[in-house]
Amino acid sequence: MKPKSFENIYHVHRNSRVKRWFYIFMALAIITLFLPWTQNIKTTGTVTTLYQEQRPQMLNSPIPGRITKWHVKNGDYVKKGDTILQLSEIKEDYMDPLLLSRTEDQVEAKKGVRDFYEAKIGTTDAQLEALNSARELKLQQLKVKIQQLNNKLAAEEAELKAANNELNLSGDQYERQQKMYDEGLVSLTQFQQRSVSYQNALAKKTAAENKLAQTRQEIITVNIEQNATVQDYTEKLSKIQGERFTSMGQIESSTGEIAKLESQMSNYKIRQGLYYVLASQDGQIVQLSKSGIGEILKDGESIGSIVPLNVDYAVEIYIKPVDLPLVKPGQRVMCIFDGFPAIVFSGWPNTSYGVFAGKVIAVESNITTNGLFKALVVEEKGKKPWPPQIKMGAGVQGIAILNDVPIWYELWRNINGFPADYYTVKTDKSTQKK
């Protein structure tokens, strides 16, 4: 009889199960090769936001000045419009405490000058109207006088014509009377009477001619007076109009100076409001670069930064150029945020723990300085929400989801060094319309 220890140590006569387990493992391996595997691209990135107003903002001094009082310190939370620090003036052009009131006095003085010239223009207009009326009246008087002289001229021309007729008649009678006297038919007395009549007719004609010449000379004199009157009033009107235009120029100049002074006054008022540096939005004050009281700030110099409180977070991931054709807008990306534990199964993202779903909304066409392309990812609606504890600039690992393929195909692709399959994003009609 063999001892029991021999039977327990040596299993020579027992049936072996190695072959059975080998076939089982082979079957499982073959089945595993046909299981689905999700192709993916692993990337890194940082937490950011899509909107410029939600990024950390620099606090700059709008004017040069001296710090007189701080109202915050590093790490303080502020509301929009809260005072961060107070400045005092350092430029001599703005140090006058009565600068605003004195500028207002200058504006009022310029307005008074403008009102004076406006009143002067009113007086000038009245003078122009009076001169125009006087000119019309004077010209009307001269026209009436010329008309009277023309009538007188016509009457004297008729009188001259009558005198000529009378002279011709007297001349004929004188010649006949002389012949008759020479023949002794009339007496000397009759001949002398006829001679006197002839001399009277001749004198009457001469007087009529003199009156006619005098009337014509008066007409010429009145016409000259009319022209002189027009010239005189034209000079007076031109002078007054020149004064009017000068006043109008002064009004325009005063208006320009008033506008300039009002602009300066408005700038002074705005500048007084810039002595207080205010928070541009709700946020936290960080990285204050100035300390103490009395430091001088230059125009536009940085004071610190304010980090907004309300942020719509996004993720910017960096893609290798070889993987760029595989990433498209609308593609799903699984995000792993730094500081949040995660268990990741590369080929089965749906079974991973601690990852958050996102969607690519844009891929930049320009390569960055690190030789990679940047894509922007936002939270995918309807999935697990992103943790609210993430902060701007935190690190992120991204897994861009591609096609579902069998494991044997993925092994064969990696062994041969082939790239992943090109991926076509499927979008519904509502997304396309949007």
Protein backbone atom coordinates (compact mmCIF):
# COMPACT_ATOMS: atom_id res chain seq x y z
CA MET A 1 0.00 0.00 0.00
CA LYS A 2 1.29 3.45 -1.11
CA PRO A 3 1.46 6.20 1.40
CA LYS A 4 -1.03 9.11 1.17
CA SER A 5 1.72 11.66 0.82
CA PHE A 6 2.84 10.05 -2.42
CA GLU A 7 -0.68 10.26 -3.84
CA ASN A 8 -1.00 13.94 -2.88
CA ILE A 9 2.32 14.96 -4.37
CA TYR A 10 2.42 12.98 -7.58
CA HIS A 11 -0.68 13.25 -9.84
CA VAL A 12 0.54 10.94 -12.48
CA HIS A 13 -2.68 9.06 -12.78
CA ARG A 14 -5.00 12.09 -12.66
CA ASN A 15 -6.62 13.71 -15.77
CA SER A 16 -5.05 17.16 -16.66
CA ARG A 17 -7.29 20.30 -17.15
CA VAL A 18 -4.67 22.47 -18.82
CA LYS A 19 -5.93 21.75 -22.29
CA ARG A 20 -9.46 22.69 -21.29
CA TRP A 21 -8.38 25.99 -19.83
CA PHE A 22 -6.22 26.69 -22.87
CA TYR A 23 -9.21 26.33 -25.18
CA ILE A 24 -11.32 28.46 -22.87
CA PHE A 25 -8.72 31.26 -22.88
CA MET A 26 -8.32 31.02 -26.64
CA ALA A 27 -12.08 31.29 -27.13
CA LEU A 28 -12.27 34.27 -24.80
CA ALA A 29 -9.37 35.92 -26.65
CA ILE A 30 -11.04 35.42 -30.00
CA ILE A 31 -14.34 36.77 -28.66
CA THR A 32 -12.51 39.72 -27.17
CA LEU A 33 -10.99 40.56 -30.54
CA PHE A 34 -14.46 41.13 -31.92
CA LEU A 35 -15.60 43.37 -29.07
CA PRO A 36 -16.17 47.08 -30.02
CA TRP A 37 -13.38 49.56 -29.40
CA THR A 38 -13.82 53.34 -29.58
CA GLN A 39 -11.01 55.10 -31.40
CA ASN A 40 -9.91 58.34 -29.77
CA ILE A 41 -7.35 61.10 -29.73
CA LYS A 42 -5.74 62.11 -26.45
CA THR A 43 -5.04 65.83 -26.02
CA THR A 44 -4.20 68.29 -23.29
CA GLY A 45 -5.49 71.79 -22.70
CA THR A 46 -6.65 74.37 -20.18
CA VAL A 47 -9.91 75.76 -18.87
CA THR A 48 -10.97 79.04 -20.49
CA THR A 49 -14.14 80.82 -21.59
CA LEU A 50 -15.68 81.79 -24.91
CA TYR A 51 -16.51 85.36 -23.98
CA GLN A 52 -13.93 88.10 -23.70
CA GLU A 53 -15.77 89.89 -20.90
CA GLN A 54 -15.55 86.74 -18.76
CA ARG A 55 -11.76 86.49 -18.97
CA PRO A 56 -9.50 88.03 -16.31
CA GLN A 57 -9.42 91.76 -16.91
CA MET A 58 -6.51 94.12 -16.36
CA LEU A 59 -7.13 97.10 -14.08
CA ASN A 60 -5.51 100.18 -15.63
CA SER A 61 -5.22 103.76 -14.49
CA PRO A 62 -7.28 105.90 -16.89
CA ILE A 63 -5.23 109.04 -16.06
CA PRO A 64 -1.85 109.75 -14.52
CA GLY A 65 -2.10 110.43 -10.81
CA ARG A 66 -0.91 109.80 -7.28
CA ILE A 67 -2.45 107.04 -5.16
CA THR A 68 -4.13 108.58 -2.13
CA LYS A 69 -6.21 105.69 -0.78
CA TRP A 70 -6.73 101.95 -1.33
CA HIS A 71 -10.19 100.48 -0.88
CA VAL A 72 -9.35 96.80 -1.58
CA LYS A 73 -6.59 94.26 -1.08
CA ASN A 74 -5.53 91.10 -2.88
CA GLY A 75 -8.23 88.43 -2.83
CA ASP A 76 -11.15 90.77 -2.10
CA TYR A 77 -14.42 90.23 -3.94
CA VAL A 78 -15.98 93.35 -5.43
CA LYS A 79 -19.18 94.30 -7.19
CA LYS A 80 -19.37 96.21 -10.44
CA GLY A 81 -18.79 99.90 -9.72
CA ASP A 82 -17.01 99.40 -6.38
CA THR A 83 -14.08 101.76 -5.75
CA ILE A 84 -10.67 100.06 -5.94
CA LEU A 85 -8.42 103.05 -5.27
CA GLN A 86 -8.49 106.84 -5.24
CA LEU A 87 -6.11 109.11 -7.19
CA SER A 88 -5.10 112.74 -6.88
CA GLU A 89 -4.03 115.08 -9.69
CA ILE A 90 -0.35 115.53 -10.61
CA LYS A 91 -0.66 117.61 -13.78
CA GLU A 92 -0.42 121.36 -13.23
CA ASP A 93 -3.06 122.02 -15.90
CA TYR A 94 -5.74 120.42 -13.69
CA MET A 95 -4.60 121.35 -10.16
CA ASP A 96 -6.81 124.47 -9.85
CA PRO A 97 -9.64 123.56 -7.42
CA LEU A 98 -11.91 126.12 -9.12
CA LEU A 99 -11.03 124.97 -12.65
CA LEU A 100 -14.57 123.85 -13.47
CA SER A 101 -16.31 126.99 -12.18
CA ARG A 102 -13.83 129.26 -13.92
CA THR A 103 -14.30 127.43 -17.16
CA GLU A 104 -18.06 127.91 -16.73
CA ASP A 105 -17.44 131.65 -16.25
CA GLN A 106 -15.47 131.71 -19.50
CA VAL A 107 -18.34 129.99 -21.27
CA GLU A 108 -20.84 132.51 -19.92
CA ALA A 109 -18.56 135.39 -20.96
CA LYS A 110 -18.27 134.03 -24.49
CA LYS A 111 -22.03 133.60 -24.62
CA GLY A 112 -22.40 137.26 -23.58
CA VAL A 113 -20.08 138.33 -26.41
CA ARG A 114 -22.10 136.27 -28.84
CA ASP A 115 -25.35 137.82 -27.60
CA PHE A 116 -23.81 141.29 -28.04
CA TYR A 117 -22.92 140.61 -31.65
CA GLU A 118 -26.36 139.12 -32.27
CA ALA A 119 -27.90 142.34 -30.94
CA LYS A 120 -25.52 144.33 -33.13
CA ILE A 121 -26.67 142.34 -36.15
CA GLY A 122 -30.26 143.24 -35.25
CA THR A 123 -29.33 146.93 -35.15
CA THR A 124 -27.46 146.60 -38.44
CA ASP A 125 -30.49 145.00 -40.05
CA ALA A 126 -32.61 147.94 -38.88
CA GLN A 127 -30.06 150.37 -40.35
CA LEU A 128 -30.07 148.49 -43.65
CA GLU A 129 -33.84 148.61 -43.77
CA ALA A 130 -33.86 152.37 -43.02
CA LEU A 131 -31.21 153.09 -45.66
CA ASN A 132 -33.06 151.04 -48.25
CA SER A 133 -36.25 152.99 -47.48
CA ALA A 134 -34.43 156.33 -47.67
CA ARG A 135 -32.79 155.36 -50.95
CA GLU A 136 -36.09 154.34 -52.48
CA LEU A 137 -37.71 157.59 -51.30
CA LYS A 138 -34.87 159.73 -52.63
CA LEU A 139 -34.85 157.93 -55.97
CA GLN A 140 -38.62 158.30 -56.19
CA GLN A 141 -38.29 162.06 -55.58
CA LEU A 142 -35.66 162.36 -58.30
CA LYS A 143 -37.82 160.37 -60.69
CA VAL A 144 -40.74 162.74 -60.02
CA LYS A 145 -38.46 165.73 -60.56
CA ILE A 146 -37.16 164.28 -63.84
CA GLN A 147 -40.73 163.67 -64.91
CA GLN A 148 -41.61 167.31 -64.12
CA LEU A 149 -38.57 168.53 -66.05
CA ASN A 150 -39.51 166.33 -69.00
CA ASN A 151 -42.99 167.87 -68.97
CA LYS A 152 -41.46 171.36 -68.72
CA LEU A 153 -39.10 170.46 -71.57
CA ALA A 154 -42.02 169.42 -73.76
CA ALA A 155 -43.85 172.68 -72.98
CA GLU A 156 -40.75 174.76 -73.74
CA GLU A 157 -40.16 172.88 -76.98
CA ALA A 158 -43.74 173.75 -77.97
CA GLU A 159 -43.14 177.34 -76.92
CA LEU A 160 -39.92 177.44 -79.00
CA LYS A 161 -41.80 176.06 -81.96
CA ALA A 162 -44.46 178.76 -81.57
CA ALA A 163 -41.74 181.40 -81.29
CA ASN A 164 -40.13 180.10 -84.48
CA ASN A 165 -43.46 180.28 -86.27
CA GLU A 166 -44.05 183.78 -84.99
CA LEU A 167 -40.52 184.82 -85.97
CA ASN A 168 -40.97 183.43 -89.48
CA LEU A 169 -44.26 185.30 -89.82
CA SER A 170 -42.75 188.52 -88.48
CA GLY A 171 -39.78 188.14 -90.81
CA ASP A 172 -42.02 187.81 -93.85
CA GLN A 173 -44.05 190.82 -92.75
CA TYR A 174 -40.87 192.83 -92.10
CA GLU A 175 -39.46 192.06 -95.56
CA ARG A 176 -42.75 193.05 -97.27
CA GLN A 177 -42.99 196.18 -95.14
CA GLN A 178 -39.43 197.13 -96.09
CA LYS A 179 -40.18 196.72 -99.82
CA MET A 180 -43.30 198.77 -99.45
CA TYR A 181 -41.34 201.39 -97.51
CA ASP A 182 -38.69 201.45 -100.17
CA GLU A 183 -41.40 201.95 -102.80
CA GLY A 184 -42.98 204.71 -100.67
CA LEU A 185 -46.18 202.82 -100.07
CA VAL A 186 -45.95 202.95 -96.23
CA SER A 187 -44.67 205.47 -93.80
CA LEU A 188 -41.53 205.20 -91.77
CA THR A 189 -43.59 204.87 -88.66
CA GLN A 190 -45.34 201.76 -89.94
CA PHE A 191 -42.04 200.32 -91.07
CA GLN A 192 -40.50 200.95 -87.63
CA GLN A 193 -43.47 199.30 -85.90
CA ARG A 194 -43.05 196.21 -88.07
CA SER A 195 -39.33 196.22 -87.33
CA VAL A 196 -40.04 196.33 -83.60
CA SER A 197 -42.46 193.39 -83.92
CA TYR A 198 -39.78 191.42 -85.77
CA GLN A 199 -37.18 192.19 -83.05
CA ASN A 200 -39.64 191.14 -80.34
CA ALA A 201 -40.31 187.82 -82.12
CA LEU A 202 -36.58 187.22 -82.45
CA ALA A 203 -36.03 187.98 -78.76
CA LYS A 204 -38.91 185.71 -77.83
CA LYS A 205 -37.36 182.87 -79.83
CA THR A 206 -33.98 183.42 -78.17
CA ALA A 207 -35.60 183.38 -74.72
CA ALA A 208 -37.44 180.15 -75.56
CA GLU A 209 -34.19 178.54 -76.72
CA ASN A 210 -32.42 179.61 -73.52
CA LYS A 211 -35.21 178.21 -71.34
CA LEU A 212 -35.14 174.94 -73.30
CA ALA A 213 -31.35 174.64 -72.91
CA GLN A 214 -31.65 175.39 -69.20
CA THR A 215 -34.33 172.72 -68.73
CA ARG A 216 -32.20 170.17 -70.55
CA GLN A 217 -29.26 171.05 -68.33
CA GLU A 218 -31.47 170.59 -65.25
CA ILE A 219 -32.49 167.15 -66.50
CA ILE A 220 -28.84 166.21 -66.91
CA THR A 221 -28.09 167.54 -63.42
CA VAL A 222 -30.95 165.53 -61.89
CA ASN A 223 -29.76 162.36 -63.66
CA ILE A 224 -26.27 162.95 -62.28
CA GLU A 225 -27.77 163.52 -58.85
CA GLN A 226 -29.73 160.26 -59.20
CA ASN A 227 -26.57 158.32 -60.04
CA ALA A 228 -24.72 160.02 -57.19
CA THR A 229 -27.55 159.10 -54.82
CA VAL A 230 -27.40 155.44 -55.91
CA GLN A 231 -23.62 155.43 -55.45
CA ASP A 232 -23.81 157.11 -52.06
CA TYR A 233 -26.43 154.74 -50.68
CA THR A 234 -24.61 151.76 -52.18
CA GLU A 235 -21.47 152.72 -50.29
CA LYS A 236 -23.42 153.21 -47.06
CA LEU A 237 -25.23 149.89 -47.49
CA SER A 238 -21.98 148.08 -48.34
CA LYS A 239 -20.31 149.48 -45.25
CA ILE A 240 -23.17 148.43 -42.98
CA GLN A 241 -23.34 145.00 -44.63
CA GLY A 242 -19.59 144.65 -44.07
CA GLU A 243 -20.12 145.41 -40.40
CA ARG A 244 -22.95 142.88 -40.34
CA PHE A 245 -20.74 140.18 -41.86
CA THR A 246 -18.00 141.05 -39.38
CA SER A 247 -20.51 140.59 -36.55
CA MET A 248 -21.65 137.29 -38.03
CA GLY A 249 -18.01 136.16 -38.18
CA GLN A 250 -17.57 137.13 -34.55
CA ILE A 251 -20.71 135.15 -33.67
CA GLU A 252 -19.39 132.07 -35.45
CA SER A 253 -16.00 132.50 -33.79
CA SER A 254 -17.67 132.89 -30.40
CA THR A 255 -19.81 129.82 -31.06
CA GLY A 256 -16.68 127.81 -31.87
CA GLU A 257 -14.92 129.04 -28.75
CA ILE A 258 -18.02 128.29 -26.67
CA ALA A 259 -18.14 124.74 -28.06
CA LYS A 260 -14.43 124.32 -27.32
CA LEU A 261 -14.83 125.59 -23.76
CA GLU A 262 -17.91 123.41 -23.19
CA SER A 263 -15.93 120.43 -24.47
CA GLN A 264 -13.12 121.28 -22.07
CA MET A 265 -15.62 121.66 -19.24
CA SER A 266 -17.13 118.28 -20.08
CA ASN A 267 -13.64 116.76 -20.15
CA TYR A 268 -12.90 118.31 -16.76
CA LYS A 269 -16.09 116.82 -15.31
CA ILE A 270 -15.27 113.39 -16.75
CA ARG A 271 -11.69 113.65 -15.50
CA GLN A 272 -12.90 114.37 -11.98
CA GLY A 273 -14.83 111.10 -12.14
CA LEU A 274 -11.65 109.27 -13.21
CA TYR A 275 -9.93 110.01 -9.91
CA TYR A 276 -11.66 106.86 -8.63
CA VAL A 277 -10.69 103.55 -10.27
CA LEU A 278 -13.84 101.40 -10.30
CA ALA A 279 -14.40 97.69 -10.77
CA SER A 280 -15.57 96.95 -14.31
CA GLN A 281 -17.55 93.84 -13.24
CA ASP A 282 -18.23 91.48 -10.37
CA GLY A 283 -15.10 89.52 -9.52
CA GLN A 284 -12.06 88.94 -7.34
CA ILE A 285 -9.11 91.33 -7.13
CA VAL A 286 -5.76 89.62 -7.73
CA GLN A 287 -2.17 90.51 -8.61
CA LEU A 288 -2.18 94.08 -7.31
CA SER A 289 1.14 95.51 -8.52
CA LYS A 290 1.22 98.79 -6.54
CA SER A 291 1.63 99.19 -2.83
CA GLY A 292 1.41 101.98 -0.31
CA ILE A 293 0.21 105.55 -0.59
CA GLY A 294 1.75 108.23 -2.77
CA GLU A 295 2.97 106.07 -5.65
CA ILE A 296 2.66 107.66 -9.08
CA LEU A 297 0.67 105.94 -11.80
CA LYS A 298 1.19 106.62 -15.48
CA ASP A 299 -1.58 106.92 -18.01
CA GLY A 300 -2.86 103.39 -18.74
CA GLU A 301 -0.48 101.72 -16.26
CA SER A 302 -1.60 98.34 -14.91
CA ILE A 303 -2.72 98.18 -11.28
CA GLY A 304 -3.78 94.54 -11.06
CA SER A 305 -6.38 92.13 -12.39
CA ILE A 306 -10.00 91.26 -11.69
CA VAL A 307 -11.24 87.71 -12.21
CA PRO A 308 -14.98 87.54 -13.07
CA LEU A 309 -17.23 85.50 -10.81
CA ASN A 310 -19.83 84.42 -13.34
CA VAL A 311 -18.07 82.49 -16.09
CA ASP A 312 -19.34 80.20 -18.83
CA TYR A 313 -16.43 77.79 -18.88
CA ALA A 314 -14.99 76.19 -21.97
CA VAL A 315 -11.90 74.13 -22.68
CA GLU A 316 -9.19 74.83 -25.23
CA ILE A 317 -7.39 71.69 -26.31
CA TYR A 318 -4.29 71.43 -28.48
CA ILE A 319 -4.24 68.96 -31.37
CA LYS A 320 -1.29 67.60 -33.29
CA PRO A 321 -1.23 68.47 -36.98
CA VAL A 322 -1.45 64.77 -37.88
CA ASP A 323 -4.71 64.47 -35.93
CA LEU A 324 -6.20 67.75 -37.17
CA PRO A 325 -8.33 66.16 -39.97
CA LEU A 326 -9.97 63.91 -37.36
CA VAL A 327 -11.38 66.75 -35.25
CA LYS A 328 -14.50 68.55 -36.49
CA PRO A 329 -17.03 70.95 -34.94
CA GLY A 330 -19.75 69.02 -33.16
CA GLN A 331 -17.41 66.16 -32.22
CA ARG A 332 -17.68 64.73 -28.72
CA VAL A 333 -14.77 65.12 -26.30
CA MET A 334 -14.43 63.53 -22.86
CA CYS A 335 -12.72 65.94 -20.43
CA ILE A 336 -10.69 65.03 -17.36
CA PHE A 337 -10.12 68.06 -15.14
CA ASP A 338 -7.06 68.36 -12.93
CA GLY A 339 -7.88 67.73 -9.28
CA PHE A 340 -10.92 65.54 -10.03
CA PRO A 341 -10.22 61.78 -9.76
CA ALA A 342 -11.08 59.74 -12.81
CA ILE A 343 -10.91 56.10 -13.90
CA VAL A 344 -10.53 56.01 -17.65
CA PHE A 345 -11.01 53.07 -19.98
CA SER A 346 -9.55 54.35 -23.21
CA GLY A 347 -11.57 52.20 -25.58
CA TRP A 348 -14.81 52.33 -23.60
CA PRO A 349 -15.40 55.99 -22.68
CA ASN A 350 -18.98 55.34 -21.59
CA THR A 351 -17.72 53.08 -18.81
CA SER A 352 -15.15 55.60 -17.56
CA TYR A 353 -15.62 57.37 -14.24
CA GLY A 354 -14.85 61.02 -13.46
CA VAL A 355 -14.93 62.25 -17.06
CA PHE A 356 -17.21 65.01 -18.34
CA ALA A 357 -18.71 65.24 -21.82
CA GLY A 358 -18.04 68.20 -24.08
CA LYS A 359 -18.55 69.18 -27.70
CA VAL A 360 -16.16 70.84 -30.14
CA ILE A 361 -17.57 74.14 -31.40
CA ALA A 362 -14.57 75.54 -33.29
CA VAL A 363 -11.18 74.50 -34.60
CA GLU A 364 -8.75 77.33 -35.27
CA SER A 365 -7.08 77.32 -38.67
CA ASN A 366 -3.91 79.01 -37.45
CA ILE A 367 -1.19 76.99 -35.75
CA THR A 368 -0.06 78.18 -32.31
CA THR A 369 3.49 78.90 -31.18
CA ASN A 370 3.80 75.42 -29.66
CA GLY A 371 3.24 73.81 -33.08
CA LEU A 372 -0.28 72.58 -32.31
CA PHE A 373 -3.77 73.59 -33.42
CA LYS A 374 -6.31 74.84 -30.89
CA ALA A 375 -9.91 73.67 -30.61
CA LEU A 376 -12.63 75.00 -28.31
CA VAL A 377 -14.86 72.62 -26.36
CA VAL A 378 -18.00 73.52 -24.43
CA GLU A 379 -20.17 71.54 -22.06
CA GLU A 380 -22.51 69.10 -23.78
CA LYS A 381 -26.09 69.77 -22.77
CA GLY A 382 -28.07 66.91 -21.33
CA LYS A 383 -24.96 65.14 -20.02
CA LYS A 384 -23.21 65.19 -16.67
CA PRO A 385 -22.64 68.89 -15.81
CA TRP A 386 -19.13 70.13 -15.43
CA PRO A 387 -17.97 70.68 -11.84
CA PRO A 388 -18.44 74.25 -10.62
CA GLN A 389 -15.11 74.14 -8.76
CA ILE A 390 -13.01 74.39 -11.93
CA LYS A 391 -11.08 77.61 -12.40
CA MET A 392 -9.67 79.56 -15.32
CA GLY A 393 -6.31 78.17 -16.43
CA ALA A 394 -6.74 74.73 -14.80
CA GLY A 395 -5.31 71.80 -16.71
CA VAL A 396 -7.52 69.46 -18.74
CA GLN A 397 -6.95 66.15 -20.48
CA GLY A 398 -9.21 65.54 -23.43
CA ILE A 399 -10.22 62.38 -25.24
CA ALA A 400 -11.74 63.09 -28.64
CA ILE A 401 -14.15 60.30 -29.51
CA LEU A 402 -13.87 58.79 -33.01
CA ASN A 403 -15.29 55.67 -34.68
CA ASP A 404 -16.29 52.40 -33.02
CA VAL A 405 -14.20 49.54 -34.47
CA PRO A 406 -13.42 45.93 -33.41
CA ILE A 407 -10.45 45.41 -31.13
CA TRP A 408 -8.67 43.26 -33.74
CA TYR A 409 -8.86 46.15 -36.22
CA GLU A 410 -7.45 48.62 -33.68
CA LEU A 411 -4.57 46.22 -32.87
CA TRP A 412 -3.88 45.71 -36.56
CA ARG A 413 -3.94 49.51 -37.15
CA ASN A 414 -1.50 50.23 -34.34
CA ILE A 415 0.84 47.39 -35.36
CA ASN A 416 1.01 48.82 -38.89
CA GLY A 417 1.20 52.44 -37.71
CA PHE A 418 -1.93 53.48 -39.63
CA PRO A 419 -3.83 56.62 -38.48
CA ALA A 420 -7.31 56.44 -37.06
CA ASP A 421 -10.25 56.43 -39.45
CA TYR A 422 -11.55 59.78 -40.65
CA TYR A 423 -14.51 60.73 -38.58
CA THR A 424 -17.69 62.39 -39.91
CA VAL A 425 -19.76 64.18 -37.35
CA LYS A 426 -23.50 63.54 -37.62
CA THR A 427 -25.65 66.52 -36.71
CA ASP A 428 -29.41 66.71 -36.55
CA LYS A 429 -31.44 69.19 -38.58
CA SER A 430 -32.14 71.45 -35.60
CA THR A 431 -28.40 71.85 -34.92
CA GLN A 432 -27.74 72.62 -38.58
CA LYS A 433 -30.46 75.28 -38.61
CA LYS A 434 -29.07 76.80 -35.44
